[in-house]
Amino acid sequence: MTPARVRFGVWALTVGLLAAACGPGPGGSPGAPPAKRSASPGTGAPAPTVPDGVELERSTRRLADGSPVRISEISLSPGARVTVKGVHGRGLAASATVRSMAHEAGAWAAVNASYFDIRGGPAFSGYEGDPLGVYATGGSLLSEAANGRTALILGGPATRPRIDEVSTSSSLAASDGAHRELDGINRVPGRIVGCGGVGGDRLARTGEPVSYPVHNQLCLDPDEIVAIGAAWGAASPKGGRGSVDALLDSTGKVTALRVPAGGPVPSGGRVLSGIGKGAEWLSRHARPGASVAVTSAVYDSREVRLSGTQTSVIGAGPALVRDGRTRINAEANGLSRAAVAQREPRTVAGVTADGTLLLVTFDGRRPGISAGVSLQEAADLMVSMGAADAVNLDGGGSTTMVVEDRLWNRPTDSPGGARTERAVATALAVIAE
């Protein structure tokens, strides 16, 4: 690691003219004050030490109406001596702060990542650490995709980060020859928050069949099987009357059936939790002594399988930038026009033409200090920073950047509210080599 390369500046730019006012690189606009080193905000602590190939920058820009927005950016070159991967807390059934996840992972820095089933949300299913949409890390799929939503894909040292729409496919094969689709991974059976699942999902408020993402809405399916592994937590979700858990050991052998569902996850094994016709299938084909093979895969938009122990896939959306131009696929990600236009704190990941990964937070909810950004404004700003592609991650009160175990931005849950670290489902951790 080398001495801190931390840049600070105030940029007064009009969002609608960003492409003309600033070149493709991350540097300041003409007339911007020179970069300077500084302590961490409000702490008096020394500036962080930055890994080789990494830059850490804080700036303030002005939007088209003159409103300021405070931006924190981590720029990781292709040759940076770091590993970037998805991390979560001690179990996906519960949330954790970005700072605690970074500390547990031994990370130099981290930002919040995927959407999650937040307590108090319109479709809360009882487990606020549950990622909504695809989450894979260490080569393991830990949450199925909301098929068609945009995701950040991170690979090994020879693979550049990229942004694409992804889907997942999972299946069960019993030793008696029976096969069945696996509906979900590490969530409550029957409840698909954000929709976009497989099988017979229906929008809860209308009963309409739905196979596409609908942000923050609940879809229901009465006939599911969901795999629950150690990454979820100590126990499978408690089921209702007629629900069944098939307990599998590390080899896939069924050691017991549990009725109703809900109870300890076998050490080294997993639980297949079924309701409705899913419970009937388990009772018929996953009896004690039988075995059930579970197969899962993640695919990009070209139907290329994403694999490898160093692969992380973080779903969120929408896409903001494609091929260096603003392009927001809000509808494909199930977002409303109001969600696109509203100014909020935002966390965004971008990739430049040379493969540099940008992790960016836009603070908000502080009129006159930092207004936040709309998705359009976030996209335009990412283009000005040199992003060839960019994707929106979870935002609002979740927007958090941690550097060397200290908050680097100013997260808040409410307009004008106190600085607050929200517990979230997942984070992107930057681990120095």
Protein backbone atom coordinates (compact mmCIF):
# COMPACT_ATOMS: atom_id res chain seq x y z
CA MET A 1 0.00 0.00 0.00
CA THR A 2 1.14 3.53 -0.73
CA PRO A 3 0.53 6.88 0.97
CA ALA A 4 -3.01 8.23 0.64
CA ARG A 5 -4.16 9.39 -2.77
CA VAL A 6 -7.31 11.16 -1.66
CA ARG A 7 -8.79 13.93 -3.78
CA PHE A 8 -11.26 16.60 -2.76
CA GLY A 9 -12.92 19.29 -4.81
CA VAL A 10 -16.00 21.36 -5.51
CA TRP A 11 -17.32 21.04 -9.04
CA ALA A 12 -20.07 23.37 -10.25
CA LEU A 13 -21.56 21.60 -13.28
CA THR A 14 -24.95 21.48 -14.95
CA VAL A 15 -26.11 17.88 -15.16
CA GLY A 16 -27.74 18.34 -18.54
CA LEU A 17 -24.36 19.46 -19.98
CA LEU A 18 -22.02 17.11 -18.18
CA ALA A 19 -20.80 15.32 -21.30
CA ALA A 20 -19.74 18.62 -22.85
CA ALA A 21 -18.35 20.18 -19.68
CA CYS A 22 -16.08 17.36 -18.65
CA GLY A 23 -13.89 14.80 -20.37
CA PRO A 24 -14.27 11.05 -19.88
CA GLY A 25 -11.77 10.74 -17.06
CA PRO A 26 -12.38 11.14 -13.32
CA GLY A 27 -10.52 14.43 -12.99
CA GLY A 28 -12.08 17.84 -12.17
CA SER A 29 -13.57 20.38 -14.52
CA PRO A 30 -11.65 23.44 -15.72
CA GLY A 31 -11.18 25.86 -12.84
CA ALA A 32 -11.78 23.26 -10.14
CA PRO A 33 -9.55 23.74 -7.09
CA PRO A 34 -6.49 21.52 -6.89
CA ALA A 35 -6.75 18.21 -5.09
CA LYS A 36 -5.65 18.13 -1.50
CA ARG A 37 -5.28 15.60 1.25
CA SER A 38 -7.54 15.74 4.25
CA ALA A 39 -8.64 13.85 7.30
CA SER A 40 -11.70 11.66 7.37
CA PRO A 41 -14.86 13.81 7.68
CA GLY A 42 -15.38 15.22 11.13
CA THR A 43 -13.09 12.76 12.90
CA GLY A 44 -9.68 14.42 12.92
CA ALA A 45 -8.30 11.01 11.92
CA PRO A 46 -5.50 10.82 9.35
CA ALA A 47 -6.31 10.30 5.70
CA PRO A 48 -6.58 6.63 4.79
CA THR A 49 -3.76 4.68 3.18
CA VAL A 50 -4.87 3.63 -0.29
CA PRO A 51 -3.93 0.32 -1.99
CA ASP A 52 -1.88 0.42 -5.18
CA GLY A 53 -4.05 1.01 -8.24
CA VAL A 54 -6.86 2.60 -6.20
CA GLU A 55 -7.99 6.23 -5.92
CA LEU A 56 -10.32 7.65 -3.29
CA GLU A 57 -12.05 10.93 -4.04
CA ARG A 58 -14.65 13.20 -2.46
CA SER A 59 -16.22 16.12 -4.33
CA THR A 60 -19.26 18.38 -4.40
CA ARG A 61 -21.06 19.12 -7.64
CA ARG A 62 -24.01 21.34 -8.46
CA LEU A 63 -26.99 19.99 -10.37
CA ALA A 64 -28.98 21.79 -13.06
CA ASP A 65 -31.09 23.73 -10.53
CA GLY A 66 -28.04 24.69 -8.47
CA SER A 67 -28.57 22.06 -5.78
CA PRO A 68 -25.33 20.60 -4.40
CA VAL A 69 -24.61 16.89 -4.19
CA ARG A 70 -21.72 15.34 -2.28
CA ILE A 71 -20.03 12.46 -4.03
CA SER A 72 -17.63 9.83 -2.70
CA GLU A 73 -15.83 7.65 -5.25
CA ILE A 74 -13.51 4.66 -5.10
CA SER A 75 -11.76 4.00 -8.42
CA LEU A 76 -10.13 0.58 -8.83
CA SER A 77 -7.90 0.13 -11.88
CA PRO A 78 -7.61 -3.29 -13.58
CA GLY A 79 -4.19 -3.73 -11.98
CA ALA A 80 -5.25 -2.67 -8.49
CA ARG A 81 -3.87 -4.88 -5.73
CA VAL A 82 -7.29 -5.66 -4.34
CA THR A 83 -10.08 -8.21 -4.56
CA VAL A 84 -13.66 -6.97 -4.85
CA LYS A 85 -16.43 -9.37 -3.91
CA GLY A 86 -19.92 -9.62 -2.50
CA VAL A 87 -20.19 -10.15 1.25
CA HIS A 88 -23.00 -10.52 3.76
CA GLY A 89 -23.42 -10.79 7.51
CA ARG A 90 -23.40 -13.97 9.55
CA GLY A 91 -26.65 -15.08 7.94
CA LEU A 92 -28.96 -13.81 5.19
CA ALA A 93 -31.95 -14.11 7.49
CA ALA A 94 -30.67 -11.02 9.33
CA SER A 95 -29.17 -7.74 8.14
CA ALA A 96 -25.86 -6.15 9.19
CA THR A 97 -24.17 -2.79 8.74
CA VAL A 98 -21.73 -2.25 5.88
CA ARG A 99 -19.08 -1.43 8.46
CA SER A 100 -19.56 -4.74 10.30
CA MET A 101 -19.49 -6.71 7.04
CA ALA A 102 -16.32 -4.91 5.94
CA HIS A 103 -14.70 -5.60 9.31
CA GLU A 104 -15.65 -9.29 9.20
CA ALA A 105 -14.23 -9.60 5.66
CA GLY A 106 -11.02 -7.74 6.53
CA ALA A 107 -11.88 -5.20 3.85
CA TRP A 108 -10.13 -1.89 3.25
CA ALA A 109 -13.40 -0.38 2.05
CA ALA A 110 -16.98 -1.35 1.24
CA VAL A 111 -20.27 0.02 -0.10
CA ASN A 112 -23.79 -1.31 0.28
CA ALA A 113 -25.00 -3.51 -2.56
CA SER A 114 -28.31 -5.31 -3.25
CA TYR A 115 -31.88 -4.43 -2.47
CA PHE A 116 -33.30 -6.39 0.44
CA ASP A 117 -36.52 -7.22 2.26
CA ILE A 118 -36.37 -4.26 4.63
CA ARG A 119 -38.48 -4.21 7.77
CA GLY A 120 -41.37 -1.83 7.23
CA GLY A 121 -41.28 -2.36 3.46
CA PRO A 122 -44.56 -2.85 1.57
CA ALA A 123 -44.03 -6.62 1.20
CA PHE A 124 -41.89 -7.55 4.23
CA SER A 125 -41.70 -11.33 4.72
CA GLY A 126 -40.05 -11.31 8.14
CA TYR A 127 -36.34 -11.64 7.31
CA GLU A 128 -34.68 -8.28 6.71
CA GLY A 129 -31.36 -9.72 5.52
CA ASP A 130 -32.96 -11.44 2.52
CA PRO A 131 -31.42 -10.06 -0.73
CA LEU A 132 -34.00 -9.31 -3.40
CA GLY A 133 -32.76 -10.72 -6.67
CA VAL A 134 -29.56 -12.46 -7.58
CA TYR A 135 -26.72 -12.71 -5.10
CA ALA A 136 -23.79 -15.01 -5.76
CA THR A 137 -20.39 -14.93 -4.10
CA GLY A 138 -17.47 -17.33 -3.89
CA GLY A 139 -18.99 -19.18 -6.86
CA SER A 140 -22.16 -20.07 -4.88
CA LEU A 141 -25.65 -18.87 -5.75
CA LEU A 142 -27.20 -17.66 -2.48
CA SER A 143 -30.30 -15.89 -3.83
CA GLU A 144 -32.09 -16.46 -7.13
CA ALA A 145 -32.51 -13.72 -9.72
CA ALA A 146 -35.47 -11.52 -10.35
CA ASN A 147 -35.07 -12.65 -13.93
CA GLY A 148 -34.10 -9.89 -16.31
CA ARG A 149 -32.93 -7.38 -13.70
CA THR A 150 -29.55 -5.73 -14.11
CA ALA A 151 -26.57 -6.93 -12.08
CA LEU A 152 -22.91 -6.20 -11.44
CA ILE A 153 -20.70 -9.17 -12.36
CA LEU A 154 -17.26 -9.52 -10.79
CA GLY A 155 -14.82 -12.27 -11.71
CA GLY A 156 -11.25 -13.34 -11.12
CA PRO A 157 -8.08 -11.35 -11.80
CA ALA A 158 -8.24 -11.94 -15.57
CA THR A 159 -11.93 -11.00 -15.86
CA ARG A 160 -12.97 -7.34 -16.01
CA PRO A 161 -16.08 -6.24 -14.10
CA ARG A 162 -19.18 -5.87 -16.22
CA ILE A 163 -22.85 -5.01 -16.03
CA ASP A 164 -25.56 -7.12 -17.63
CA GLU A 165 -29.05 -8.51 -17.21
CA VAL A 166 -28.99 -11.96 -15.58
CA SER A 167 -31.22 -14.92 -14.91
CA THR A 168 -30.94 -18.04 -12.79
CA SER A 169 -32.08 -21.60 -13.21
CA SER A 170 -32.26 -24.22 -10.45
CA SER A 171 -33.56 -27.79 -10.44
CA LEU A 172 -33.97 -30.88 -8.27
CA ALA A 173 -33.25 -34.47 -9.30
CA ALA A 174 -34.37 -37.22 -6.90
CA SER A 175 -32.76 -40.66 -6.78
CA ASP A 176 -36.04 -42.25 -7.93
CA GLY A 177 -35.76 -40.37 -11.24
CA ALA A 178 -38.17 -37.54 -10.43
CA HIS A 179 -37.20 -34.02 -11.50
CA ARG A 180 -38.59 -30.65 -10.52
CA GLU A 181 -37.82 -26.96 -10.82
CA LEU A 182 -36.39 -25.36 -7.67
CA ASP A 183 -38.31 -22.12 -7.13
CA GLY A 184 -35.97 -20.21 -4.86
CA ILE A 185 -32.90 -20.09 -2.68
CA ASN A 186 -32.68 -18.73 0.88
CA ARG A 187 -36.07 -17.05 1.27
CA VAL A 188 -39.57 -17.70 2.57
CA PRO A 189 -41.41 -20.23 0.35
CA GLY A 190 -44.41 -18.77 -1.44
CA ARG A 191 -43.39 -15.10 -1.14
CA ILE A 192 -41.36 -13.52 -3.94
CA VAL A 193 -40.62 -9.91 -2.99
CA GLY A 194 -39.92 -7.96 -6.17
CA CYS A 195 -41.37 -10.75 -8.35
CA GLY A 196 -39.46 -11.96 -11.43
CA GLY A 197 -39.41 -15.58 -10.29
CA VAL A 198 -40.25 -18.88 -11.93
CA GLY A 199 -43.29 -21.13 -11.70
CA GLY A 200 -46.81 -19.86 -11.08
CA ASP A 201 -46.09 -16.51 -9.46
CA ARG A 202 -48.98 -14.05 -9.19
CA LEU A 203 -48.98 -10.40 -8.13
CA ALA A 204 -50.45 -10.36 -4.61
CA ARG A 205 -52.55 -7.21 -5.08
CA THR A 206 -54.23 -8.31 -8.33
CA GLY A 207 -53.77 -12.06 -8.77
CA GLU A 208 -52.25 -11.38 -12.19
CA PRO A 209 -49.67 -13.95 -13.41
CA VAL A 210 -46.26 -12.25 -13.37
CA SER A 211 -42.87 -13.49 -14.59
CA TYR A 212 -41.10 -10.12 -14.74
CA PRO A 213 -39.64 -7.90 -11.97
CA VAL A 214 -41.95 -5.49 -10.11
CA HIS A 215 -39.87 -3.46 -7.67
CA ASN A 216 -41.02 -3.54 -4.03
CA GLN A 217 -44.15 -5.54 -4.89
CA LEU A 218 -45.06 -9.00 -3.62
CA CYS A 219 -45.75 -12.02 -5.77
CA LEU A 220 -47.20 -15.24 -4.36
CA ASP A 221 -46.85 -18.88 -5.36
CA PRO A 222 -48.67 -21.53 -3.27
CA ASP A 223 -46.68 -24.48 -4.71
CA GLU A 224 -42.98 -23.91 -4.12
CA ILE A 225 -39.77 -25.59 -3.01
CA VAL A 226 -37.01 -23.32 -1.70
CA ALA A 227 -33.50 -24.45 -0.76
CA ILE A 228 -32.23 -23.14 2.58
CA GLY A 229 -28.49 -23.43 3.25
CA ALA A 230 -26.02 -22.46 5.92
CA ALA A 231 -25.66 -18.98 4.41
CA TRP A 232 -29.27 -18.28 5.39
CA GLY A 233 -28.83 -18.91 9.09
CA ALA A 234 -29.39 -21.50 11.78
CA ALA A 235 -33.00 -22.39 10.98
CA SER A 236 -35.34 -22.64 8.01
CA PRO A 237 -38.42 -20.36 7.97
CA LYS A 238 -41.38 -21.60 9.95
CA GLY A 239 -44.06 -22.99 7.65
CA GLY A 240 -47.78 -23.35 7.92
CA ARG A 241 -50.05 -26.36 7.87
CA GLY A 242 -49.04 -28.87 5.20
CA SER A 243 -45.52 -27.48 4.76
CA VAL A 244 -42.58 -29.91 4.70
CA ASP A 245 -38.83 -29.66 5.22
CA ALA A 246 -36.58 -32.33 3.69
CA LEU A 247 -33.27 -32.37 5.58
CA LEU A 248 -30.27 -33.17 3.38
CA ASP A 249 -26.75 -34.02 4.51
CA SER A 250 -23.58 -32.88 2.71
CA THR A 251 -23.96 -35.64 0.09
CA GLY A 252 -27.58 -34.81 -0.74
CA LYS A 253 -28.99 -37.78 1.18
CA VAL A 254 -32.32 -37.13 2.89
CA THR A 255 -31.96 -37.75 6.62
CA ALA A 256 -35.45 -36.74 7.73
CA LEU A 257 -38.72 -35.07 6.79
CA ARG A 258 -39.96 -32.34 9.14
CA VAL A 259 -43.65 -31.39 9.30
CA PRO A 260 -44.47 -28.54 9.45
CA ALA A 261 -41.45 -26.76 8.00
CA GLY A 262 -39.16 -24.75 10.21
CA GLY A 263 -36.19 -25.79 12.29
CA PRO A 264 -32.41 -26.27 12.38
CA VAL A 265 -30.43 -26.41 9.14
CA PRO A 266 -28.26 -29.58 9.19
CA SER A 267 -24.57 -28.91 9.74
CA GLY A 268 -22.85 -29.12 6.35
CA GLY A 269 -26.15 -29.80 4.62
CA ARG A 270 -29.28 -27.94 3.60
CA VAL A 271 -33.06 -27.93 3.82
CA LEU A 272 -35.54 -28.21 0.97
CA SER A 273 -38.63 -26.40 2.23
CA GLY A 274 -41.89 -27.07 0.41
CA ILE A 275 -45.45 -25.77 0.40
CA GLY A 276 -48.50 -26.93 -1.56
CA LYS A 277 -47.54 -29.11 -4.51
CA GLY A 278 -43.91 -28.56 -3.57
CA ALA A 279 -44.52 -30.19 -0.19
CA GLU A 280 -46.30 -33.07 -1.93
CA TRP A 281 -43.29 -33.60 -4.23
CA LEU A 282 -40.90 -33.75 -1.28
CA SER A 283 -43.14 -36.17 0.61
CA ARG A 284 -43.23 -38.44 -2.42
CA HIS A 285 -39.66 -38.23 -3.74
CA ALA A 286 -37.48 -37.03 -0.83
CA ARG A 287 -38.19 -39.66 1.80
CA PRO A 288 -35.46 -40.52 4.32
CA GLY A 289 -32.75 -42.60 2.64
CA ALA A 290 -33.38 -41.12 -0.80
CA SER A 291 -31.10 -38.47 -2.27
CA VAL A 292 -31.83 -35.22 -4.07
CA ALA A 293 -29.31 -33.40 -6.25
CA VAL A 294 -29.63 -29.61 -6.37
CA THR A 295 -28.31 -27.81 -9.47
CA SER A 296 -28.17 -24.02 -9.86
CA ALA A 297 -26.72 -21.73 -12.51
CA VAL A 298 -26.50 -18.01 -13.28
CA TYR A 299 -26.63 -16.80 -16.90
CA ASP A 300 -25.94 -13.44 -18.53
CA SER A 301 -28.08 -11.92 -21.28
CA ARG A 302 -26.29 -14.02 -23.92
CA GLU A 303 -27.11 -17.15 -21.90
CA VAL A 304 -23.46 -17.66 -21.02
CA ARG A 305 -23.12 -19.40 -17.65
CA LEU A 306 -21.30 -17.42 -14.97
CA SER A 307 -19.11 -19.63 -12.81
CA GLY A 308 -15.93 -19.81 -10.80
CA THR A 309 -15.05 -19.56 -7.15
CA GLN A 310 -14.00 -15.91 -7.56
CA THR A 311 -17.26 -14.86 -9.20
CA SER A 312 -19.66 -12.47 -7.48
CA VAL A 313 -22.98 -11.38 -8.98
CA ILE A 314 -24.92 -8.59 -7.28
CA GLY A 315 -28.40 -7.84 -8.56
CA ALA A 316 -30.04 -4.42 -8.24
CA GLY A 317 -30.90 -2.08 -11.12
CA PRO A 318 -31.74 -0.32 -13.23
CA ALA A 319 -28.83 0.05 -15.61
CA LEU A 320 -27.87 3.72 -15.89
CA VAL A 321 -25.18 3.84 -18.57
CA ARG A 322 -24.47 1.63 -21.59
CA ASP A 323 -21.58 2.15 -24.02
CA GLY A 324 -20.78 5.53 -22.51
CA ARG A 325 -24.29 6.92 -22.93
CA THR A 326 -27.11 7.42 -20.47
CA ARG A 327 -29.57 4.57 -20.88
CA ILE A 328 -31.90 3.74 -18.00
CA ASN A 329 -33.81 0.46 -18.35
CA ALA A 330 -36.23 1.22 -15.53
CA GLU A 331 -39.18 -0.67 -16.98
CA ALA A 332 -37.19 -3.89 -17.44
CA ASN A 333 -36.21 -3.63 -13.78
CA GLY A 334 -39.77 -3.06 -12.62
CA LEU A 335 -39.34 0.56 -11.50
CA SER A 336 -41.91 3.30 -11.87
CA ARG A 337 -41.37 6.71 -13.48
CA ALA A 338 -41.64 8.29 -10.04
CA ALA A 339 -38.76 6.15 -8.80
CA VAL A 340 -36.61 7.35 -11.71
CA ALA A 341 -37.35 11.05 -11.16
CA GLN A 342 -37.06 11.25 -7.37
CA ARG A 343 -33.86 12.60 -5.83
CA GLU A 344 -32.45 10.26 -3.22
CA PRO A 345 -29.10 9.15 -1.83
CA ARG A 346 -27.72 6.63 -4.34
CA THR A 347 -25.03 3.97 -4.53
CA VAL A 348 -23.81 3.22 -8.06
CA ALA A 349 -21.26 0.88 -9.60
CA GLY A 350 -19.66 1.74 -12.93
CA VAL A 351 -17.06 0.29 -15.29
CA THR A 352 -14.86 2.44 -17.57
CA ALA A 353 -13.69 1.48 -21.04
CA ASP A 354 -10.37 0.17 -19.67
CA GLY A 355 -12.07 -1.98 -17.02
CA THR A 356 -11.67 0.35 -14.05
CA LEU A 357 -14.37 -0.29 -11.46
CA LEU A 358 -16.05 2.78 -9.93
CA LEU A 359 -17.90 2.52 -6.61
CA VAL A 360 -19.77 5.77 -6.01
CA THR A 361 -22.11 7.17 -3.37
CA PHE A 362 -24.24 10.29 -3.76
CA ASP A 363 -25.34 11.70 -0.42
CA GLY A 364 -28.81 13.20 -0.10
CA ARG A 365 -31.69 14.26 2.14
CA ARG A 366 -29.81 17.40 3.27
CA PRO A 367 -31.22 20.42 1.39
CA GLY A 368 -28.57 23.04 0.70
CA ILE A 369 -25.78 20.61 1.55
CA SER A 370 -26.42 17.49 -0.52
CA ALA A 371 -29.72 17.02 -2.32
CA GLY A 372 -29.23 13.50 -3.63
CA VAL A 373 -29.75 12.65 -7.29
CA SER A 374 -32.41 11.25 -9.56
CA LEU A 375 -31.51 8.21 -11.61
CA GLN A 376 -31.12 10.46 -14.65
CA GLU A 377 -28.75 12.74 -12.74
CA ALA A 378 -26.82 9.74 -11.41
CA ALA A 379 -26.44 8.40 -14.95
CA ASP A 380 -25.20 11.73 -16.32
CA LEU A 381 -22.72 12.09 -13.47
CA MET A 382 -21.39 8.57 -14.03
CA VAL A 383 -20.83 9.36 -17.72
CA SER A 384 -18.86 12.45 -16.65
CA MET A 385 -16.70 10.22 -14.42
CA GLY A 386 -15.82 8.06 -17.40
CA ALA A 387 -18.23 5.16 -16.92
CA ALA A 388 -18.90 3.14 -20.06
CA ASP A 389 -21.51 1.14 -18.13
CA ALA A 390 -23.16 1.73 -14.77
CA VAL A 391 -25.83 0.18 -12.57
CA ASN A 392 -27.84 1.56 -9.69
CA LEU A 393 -27.47 -0.36 -6.42
CA ASP A 394 -29.65 0.02 -3.33
CA GLY A 395 -29.98 3.62 -2.17
CA GLY A 396 -31.89 5.86 0.21
CA GLY A 397 -30.94 5.18 3.81
CA SER A 398 -28.87 2.21 2.67
CA THR A 399 -26.30 4.32 0.80
CA THR A 400 -23.07 3.79 2.75
CA MET A 401 -19.35 3.90 2.06
CA VAL A 402 -16.87 2.69 4.65
CA VAL A 403 -13.09 3.15 4.37
CA GLU A 404 -10.69 1.67 6.91
CA ASP A 405 -13.51 0.95 9.35
CA ARG A 406 -14.81 4.56 9.22
CA LEU A 407 -17.85 6.03 7.51
CA TRP A 408 -16.68 7.94 4.44
CA ASN A 409 -20.05 9.39 3.39
CA ARG A 410 -23.07 10.55 5.38
CA PRO A 411 -25.90 8.00 5.35
CA THR A 412 -29.25 9.03 6.82
CA ASP A 413 -32.69 7.45 7.10
CA SER A 414 -34.73 10.67 6.89
CA PRO A 415 -34.57 14.17 5.36
CA GLY A 416 -32.32 16.28 7.56
CA GLY A 417 -31.87 13.32 9.88
CA ALA A 418 -28.88 12.25 11.89
CA ARG A 419 -26.02 10.24 10.42
CA THR A 420 -27.22 6.64 10.69
CA GLU A 421 -25.72 3.31 9.69
CA ARG A 422 -28.54 1.16 8.36
CA ALA A 423 -28.25 -2.61 8.54
CA VAL A 424 -28.46 -4.05 5.00
CA ALA A 425 -28.28 -7.45 3.31
CA THR A 426 -25.06 -7.37 1.27
CA ALA A 427 -22.05 -5.21 0.52
CA LEU A 428 -19.27 -4.92 -2.05
CA ALA A 429 -16.03 -5.36 -0.14
CA VAL A 430 -12.65 -4.08 -1.39
CA ILE A 431 -10.00 -6.30 0.17
CA ALA A 432 -6.36 -5.23 -0.13
CA GLU A 433 -3.92 -7.96 -1.15
